[in-house]
Amino acid sequence: MTVTVVSTGGTIASTADSGGDASPELTGEDLVSAVPELADVADIDTREFSNVPSAHFTVERMGELARFLTELDDDGNVDGVVVTQGTDVLEESAYFVDLCYRGETPVVFTGAMRNPSLPSPDGPANLLASVKTTTDDHASGRVLVAFNDRVHAAREVTKTNSMNVDTFRSPEFGPLGVVDESRVTWRRTPESPDPELTVPYDDLTNDVYSAFVTADMPPEHLAPAHDSDALCLATTGAGHVPPKLVPELRSISENGVPIVATTRCPEGRLARDTYGFPGSERSLQEVGCYYSDLNLQKTRIRTIVGLAAGRLDDVFDRPGERRR
């Protein structure tokens, strides 16, 4: 069995310079050579996709990565793919690929919280766990994230701690499985409501404005959304905003800018018919907001992909259509 390691940069590929500042320098071959146990699991091939910090990873590059992974899936000599990336936007890249990739070759994203120059770097163990995951039959056709011996669905996982090695979690539903010694123990199969999309990568836009609603937030904070391709809004609670935001949201919607609402809570979904006060979920529906069941960063990725595919109405539910 052959597993291809696609390196893109990030902490897992970083080394410290004389001043102690870490930056990506290691190649895929460097990462693989540091884990000799990989040879006991599969034949390892390496591909250099990029070598950049996670924060430098653009939407355009995500599209290029999805296209590259599709090419690897077409290669009959590749049985599994591991993508190493910086953790800051790993959940967004993995979910972008999950929306666009239709291959049968399993794709597992991983990275590290401690670079190789620090005591007890976690990159080697994460890489080994990821390769083990790709070789398991249950991983076929899936886009996953393996971190700290847990296996997560790309759609559900999120980074929960800025520095701790146990940062990647799947709130509410938990991991799909765990890596125990040489095997993966699976405990559930994820259900995804996302439709299959054909995405013209040249039509991708990063001009999707995102805003996190806070107490007494001034309407002026949403002004940039008027000139964007869409607005993604993390509301308080089950879909509530300060009432003074409602006229601004209505104006944005009337200007032809789609609004996709979600909750800023790490678990749960937006209410549909519980509250009716000004600024409640009823107001969002009357404005014409789409509903998302993902966190704000993934809601933005889903919006970007939905816009490029021209299928926003298929990608998100719009309960307000019943009230308009």
Protein backbone atom coordinates (compact mmCIF):
# COMPACT_ATOMS: atom_id res chain seq x y z
CA MET A 1 0.00 0.00 0.00
CA THR A 2 1.31 3.43 -0.97
CA VAL A 3 0.44 6.59 0.98
CA THR A 4 1.36 9.99 -0.43
CA VAL A 5 2.27 12.70 2.08
CA VAL A 6 1.44 16.14 0.68
CA SER A 7 3.28 18.82 2.62
CA THR A 8 1.98 22.39 2.64
CA GLY A 9 3.99 23.97 5.49
CA GLY A 10 2.91 25.02 8.96
CA THR A 11 4.30 24.29 12.41
CA ILE A 12 4.92 20.64 11.62
CA ALA A 13 7.43 21.77 8.97
CA SER A 14 8.94 24.65 10.96
CA THR A 15 12.37 25.06 12.49
CA ALA A 16 13.66 27.76 14.79
CA ASP A 17 16.28 30.23 13.59
CA SER A 18 19.04 31.72 15.75
CA GLY A 19 16.55 34.17 17.24
CA GLY A 20 14.17 31.40 18.27
CA ASP A 21 11.50 32.28 15.71
CA ALA A 22 10.04 29.28 13.88
CA SER A 23 9.14 29.31 10.18
CA PRO A 24 8.33 26.53 7.67
CA GLU A 25 11.48 25.04 6.14
CA LEU A 26 11.19 21.25 6.31
CA THR A 27 10.15 19.26 3.26
CA GLY A 28 7.82 16.29 3.14
CA GLU A 29 10.85 14.02 2.91
CA ASP A 30 12.23 15.62 6.08
CA LEU A 31 8.97 14.93 7.91
CA VAL A 32 8.82 11.32 6.76
CA SER A 33 12.47 10.56 7.53
CA ALA A 34 11.88 11.65 11.14
CA VAL A 35 9.36 8.81 11.59
CA PRO A 36 11.02 5.52 10.59
CA GLU A 37 7.99 3.60 11.92
CA LEU A 38 6.07 4.74 8.83
CA ALA A 39 7.88 2.09 6.79
CA ASP A 40 6.12 -0.58 8.84
CA VAL A 41 2.71 0.80 7.85
CA ALA A 42 2.95 1.66 4.14
CA ASP A 43 5.21 2.69 1.31
CA ILE A 44 5.51 6.46 1.60
CA ASP A 45 5.69 8.88 -1.30
CA THR A 46 6.05 12.63 -0.74
CA ARG A 47 4.83 15.64 -2.72
CA GLU A 48 5.67 19.27 -2.05
CA PHE A 49 2.58 21.41 -2.52
CA SER A 50 3.71 24.54 -0.65
CA ASN A 51 5.73 25.56 2.39
CA VAL A 52 3.91 28.43 4.04
CA PRO A 53 2.55 29.32 7.47
CA SER A 54 -1.07 28.38 7.98
CA ALA A 55 -2.21 32.00 8.02
CA HIS A 56 -0.82 32.42 4.48
CA PHE A 57 -3.06 29.70 3.07
CA THR A 58 -5.53 31.41 0.72
CA VAL A 59 -8.88 30.36 -0.71
CA GLU A 60 -7.23 30.16 -4.11
CA ARG A 61 -4.62 27.78 -2.69
CA MET A 62 -7.38 25.64 -1.16
CA GLY A 63 -8.87 25.29 -4.62
CA GLU A 64 -5.50 24.30 -6.03
CA LEU A 65 -5.08 21.74 -3.26
CA ALA A 66 -8.51 20.20 -3.94
CA ARG A 67 -7.65 19.93 -7.62
CA PHE A 68 -4.25 18.38 -6.80
CA LEU A 69 -5.83 15.80 -4.49
CA THR A 70 -8.28 14.87 -7.24
CA GLU A 71 -5.31 14.25 -9.53
CA LEU A 72 -3.76 11.98 -6.90
CA ASP A 73 -7.04 10.08 -6.63
CA ASP A 74 -6.85 9.44 -10.38
CA ASP A 75 -3.41 7.88 -9.88
CA GLY A 76 -3.96 4.17 -9.45
CA ASN A 77 -0.69 3.87 -7.51
CA VAL A 78 -1.90 6.05 -4.62
CA ASP A 79 -3.91 4.26 -1.92
CA GLY A 80 -4.10 7.06 0.64
CA VAL A 81 -3.17 10.71 1.08
CA VAL A 82 -2.00 12.61 4.16
CA VAL A 83 -1.92 16.41 4.00
CA THR A 84 0.34 18.16 6.51
CA GLN A 85 -0.64 21.75 7.20
CA GLY A 86 -0.49 24.52 9.75
CA THR A 87 -3.23 24.22 12.34
CA ASP A 88 -4.58 27.78 12.31
CA VAL A 89 -6.80 27.26 9.26
CA LEU A 90 -6.50 23.48 8.94
CA GLU A 91 -10.17 22.97 9.74
CA GLU A 92 -11.12 25.36 6.93
CA SER A 93 -8.83 23.76 4.36
CA ALA A 94 -9.98 20.26 5.30
CA TYR A 95 -13.63 21.27 5.07
CA PHE A 96 -13.07 23.04 1.74
CA VAL A 97 -11.59 19.82 0.36
CA ASP A 98 -14.43 17.81 1.91
CA LEU A 99 -16.93 19.93 -0.03
CA CYS A 100 -15.07 19.66 -3.35
CA TYR A 101 -13.32 16.28 -3.34
CA ARG A 102 -15.20 13.28 -4.77
CA GLY A 103 -12.43 10.69 -4.82
CA GLU A 104 -12.36 7.27 -3.20
CA THR A 105 -8.79 7.67 -1.97
CA PRO A 106 -8.93 8.65 1.73
CA VAL A 107 -7.50 12.07 2.58
CA VAL A 108 -6.35 12.77 6.14
CA PHE A 109 -5.22 16.22 7.29
CA THR A 110 -2.81 16.61 10.19
CA GLY A 111 -0.23 18.99 11.60
CA ALA A 112 1.49 19.88 14.84
CA MET A 113 1.25 22.29 17.73
CA ARG A 114 4.93 21.95 18.68
CA ASN A 115 7.56 22.46 16.02
CA PRO A 116 10.41 19.93 15.76
CA SER A 117 12.86 22.16 17.65
CA LEU A 118 10.71 22.09 20.82
CA PRO A 119 10.67 19.34 23.48
CA SER A 120 8.22 16.51 22.68
CA PRO A 121 7.09 17.68 19.21
CA ASP A 122 3.75 16.15 18.31
CA GLY A 123 4.17 16.18 14.52
CA PRO A 124 5.79 12.73 14.17
CA ALA A 125 3.05 10.99 16.19
CA ASN A 126 0.32 12.83 14.28
CA LEU A 127 1.89 11.87 10.95
CA LEU A 128 2.13 8.21 11.98
CA ALA A 129 -1.49 8.17 13.20
CA SER A 130 -2.65 9.78 9.96
CA VAL A 131 -0.90 7.23 7.76
CA LYS A 132 -2.42 4.43 9.86
CA THR A 133 -5.84 6.01 9.37
CA THR A 134 -5.50 6.17 5.59
CA THR A 135 -4.73 2.46 5.44
CA ASP A 136 -7.97 1.53 7.24
CA ASP A 137 -10.80 0.45 4.93
CA HIS A 138 -13.31 2.55 6.90
CA ALA A 139 -11.49 5.72 5.80
CA SER A 140 -12.14 5.10 2.09
CA GLY A 141 -13.72 8.06 0.31
CA ARG A 142 -13.54 10.29 3.38
CA VAL A 143 -11.80 13.55 4.22
CA LEU A 144 -10.64 13.32 7.83
CA VAL A 145 -8.48 15.06 10.40
CA ALA A 146 -6.20 12.97 12.63
CA PHE A 147 -4.67 14.69 15.61
CA ASN A 148 -3.47 13.46 19.01
CA ASP A 149 -4.62 9.91 18.13
CA ARG A 150 -8.20 11.01 17.49
CA VAL A 151 -9.87 10.79 14.08
CA HIS A 152 -12.41 13.49 13.21
CA ALA A 153 -14.73 14.29 10.32
CA ALA A 154 -13.41 17.30 8.42
CA ARG A 155 -16.87 18.88 8.56
CA GLU A 156 -17.14 18.68 12.35
CA VAL A 157 -13.67 19.26 13.76
CA THR A 158 -12.43 22.60 15.07
CA LYS A 159 -9.34 23.99 16.76
CA THR A 160 -10.25 24.65 20.40
CA ASN A 161 -6.97 25.69 22.03
CA SER A 162 -4.35 28.08 20.72
CA MET A 163 -1.33 26.09 21.96
CA ASN A 164 -2.29 22.77 23.57
CA VAL A 165 -1.50 19.61 21.58
CA ASP A 166 -5.02 18.29 22.30
CA THR A 167 -6.54 21.17 20.39
CA PHE A 168 -8.67 19.50 17.70
CA ARG A 169 -12.10 18.45 18.93
CA SER A 170 -15.51 17.74 17.44
CA PRO A 171 -17.98 19.56 19.71
CA GLU A 172 -21.33 17.95 20.38
CA PHE A 173 -20.79 14.70 18.45
CA GLY A 174 -17.18 13.79 19.28
CA PRO A 175 -14.50 12.01 17.21
CA LEU A 176 -15.23 9.24 14.74
CA GLY A 177 -12.57 7.00 16.20
CA VAL A 178 -9.20 6.72 17.88
CA VAL A 179 -5.84 5.30 16.86
CA ASP A 180 -4.82 2.48 19.20
CA GLU A 181 -1.36 1.03 18.53
CA SER A 182 -1.47 -0.26 14.94
CA ARG A 183 -5.24 -0.06 14.44
CA VAL A 184 -8.03 2.48 14.26
CA THR A 185 -11.03 1.91 16.50
CA TRP A 186 -14.12 3.46 14.94
CA ARG A 187 -17.20 4.30 16.97
CA ARG A 188 -19.50 6.23 14.64
CA THR A 189 -20.10 7.18 11.00
CA PRO A 190 -20.72 10.86 10.23
CA GLU A 191 -23.83 12.07 8.45
CA SER A 192 -23.28 15.08 6.18
CA PRO A 193 -26.13 17.18 4.77
CA ASP A 194 -23.79 18.85 2.27
CA PRO A 195 -24.74 18.29 -1.39
CA GLU A 196 -22.27 17.14 -4.02
CA LEU A 197 -20.96 20.20 -5.81
CA THR A 198 -19.14 20.85 -9.04
CA VAL A 199 -16.94 23.82 -8.24
CA PRO A 200 -15.32 25.97 -10.95
CA TYR A 201 -12.19 26.90 -9.01
CA ASP A 202 -11.56 29.98 -11.15
CA ASP A 203 -14.82 31.44 -9.80
CA LEU A 204 -13.82 31.26 -6.13
CA THR A 205 -14.03 34.50 -4.16
CA ASN A 206 -12.56 35.44 -0.81
CA ASP A 207 -14.79 38.53 -0.61
CA VAL A 208 -17.21 36.97 1.88
CA TYR A 209 -17.52 39.19 4.94
CA SER A 210 -17.83 37.53 8.34
CA ALA A 211 -19.01 39.13 11.58
CA PHE A 212 -19.32 37.91 15.14
CA VAL A 213 -22.30 39.46 16.92
CA THR A 214 -21.63 40.77 20.43
CA ALA A 215 -23.67 42.66 23.01
CA ASP A 216 -24.88 46.06 21.82
CA MET A 217 -22.94 45.76 18.56
CA PRO A 218 -23.22 48.97 16.47
CA PRO A 219 -24.85 48.55 13.04
CA GLU A 220 -21.90 50.38 11.49
CA HIS A 221 -19.76 47.31 12.13
CA LEU A 222 -21.66 45.56 9.34
CA ALA A 223 -21.18 48.37 6.80
CA PRO A 224 -18.40 46.58 4.81
CA ALA A 225 -20.83 43.76 4.05
CA HIS A 226 -22.74 46.02 1.63
CA ASP A 227 -19.89 45.71 -0.89
CA SER A 228 -19.12 42.01 -0.36
CA ASP A 229 -20.27 38.90 -2.18
CA ALA A 230 -21.98 37.57 0.96
CA LEU A 231 -22.20 38.09 4.72
CA CYS A 232 -21.70 35.30 7.24
CA LEU A 233 -23.03 36.21 10.66
CA ALA A 234 -22.40 34.41 13.96
CA THR A 235 -25.43 35.37 16.03
CA THR A 236 -25.86 35.10 19.78
CA GLY A 237 -27.63 32.08 21.19
CA ALA A 238 -30.16 30.40 18.93
CA GLY A 239 -30.16 33.15 16.29
CA HIS A 240 -30.51 36.49 18.06
CA VAL A 241 -29.03 39.92 17.39
CA PRO A 242 -29.42 43.39 18.94
CA PRO A 243 -32.63 44.80 17.41
CA LYS A 244 -30.79 47.82 15.97
CA LEU A 245 -28.90 45.44 13.65
CA VAL A 246 -32.08 44.30 11.94
CA PRO A 247 -32.54 47.38 9.67
CA GLU A 248 -28.88 47.10 8.62
CA LEU A 249 -29.29 43.42 7.82
CA ARG A 250 -32.44 44.16 5.83
CA SER A 251 -30.59 46.84 3.86
CA ILE A 252 -27.71 44.45 3.12
CA SER A 253 -30.15 41.79 1.94
CA GLU A 254 -32.07 44.23 -0.22
CA ASN A 255 -28.76 45.20 -1.87
CA GLY A 256 -28.55 41.64 -3.14
CA VAL A 257 -25.96 40.39 -0.65
CA PRO A 258 -26.82 36.90 0.67
CA ILE A 259 -26.70 36.62 4.47
CA VAL A 260 -25.83 33.29 6.07
CA ALA A 261 -26.52 33.09 9.80
CA THR A 262 -25.16 30.66 12.36
CA THR A 263 -24.70 30.62 16.12
CA ARG A 264 -21.58 31.77 17.90
CA CYS A 265 -22.06 28.90 20.37
CA PRO A 266 -19.70 25.93 19.89
CA GLU A 267 -22.65 23.52 19.89
CA GLY A 268 -26.26 23.65 18.73
CA ARG A 269 -28.19 25.14 15.84
CA LEU A 270 -30.39 28.14 15.14
CA ALA A 271 -33.96 28.14 16.41
CA ARG A 272 -36.77 28.31 13.88
CA ASP A 273 -39.96 29.09 15.77
CA THR A 274 -39.22 29.56 19.48
CA TYR A 275 -38.83 33.33 19.83
CA GLY A 276 -40.55 36.24 18.14
CA PHE A 277 -39.08 39.38 19.72
CA PRO A 278 -37.32 42.00 17.52
CA GLY A 279 -33.86 40.64 16.78
CA SER A 280 -34.89 37.02 17.30
CA GLU A 281 -34.67 34.20 14.79
CA ARG A 282 -37.98 35.45 13.39
CA SER A 283 -36.25 38.71 12.40
CA LEU A 284 -33.45 36.77 10.67
CA GLN A 285 -36.02 34.81 8.71
CA GLU A 286 -37.96 37.92 7.73
CA VAL A 287 -34.71 39.47 6.44
CA GLY A 288 -34.17 36.33 4.32
CA CYS A 289 -31.13 34.83 6.03
CA TYR A 290 -29.85 31.41 5.13
CA TYR A 291 -29.25 29.03 8.04
CA SER A 292 -25.93 27.27 8.69
CA ASP A 293 -25.23 24.51 11.21
CA LEU A 294 -21.47 25.15 11.27
CA ASN A 295 -19.18 27.54 13.12
CA LEU A 296 -18.50 30.92 11.54
CA GLN A 297 -15.21 30.00 9.83
CA LYS A 298 -16.66 26.90 8.22
CA THR A 299 -19.87 28.71 7.35
CA ARG A 300 -17.72 31.16 5.38
CA ILE A 301 -15.96 28.30 3.54
CA ARG A 302 -19.30 26.68 2.72
CA THR A 303 -20.60 30.03 1.44
CA ILE A 304 -17.52 30.55 -0.74
CA VAL A 305 -17.89 27.11 -2.30
CA GLY A 306 -21.67 27.50 -2.68
CA LEU A 307 -21.28 30.84 -4.44
CA ALA A 308 -18.67 29.45 -6.86
CA ALA A 309 -20.94 26.50 -7.66
CA GLY A 310 -23.95 28.80 -8.07
CA ARG A 311 -25.91 26.65 -5.65
CA LEU A 312 -26.30 28.64 -2.46
CA ASP A 313 -29.98 27.63 -2.27
CA ASP A 314 -28.93 23.97 -2.24
CA VAL A 315 -26.08 24.44 0.19
CA PHE A 316 -28.11 26.20 2.91
CA ASP A 317 -31.65 26.04 4.21
CA ARG A 318 -33.65 29.27 4.09
CA PRO A 319 -36.57 28.97 6.54
CA GLY A 320 -37.47 32.63 6.08
CA GLU A 321 -38.93 31.87 2.64
CA ARG A 322 -42.00 30.64 4.47
CA ARG A 323 -42.42 34.03 6.18
CA ARG A 324 -41.66 36.40 3.27
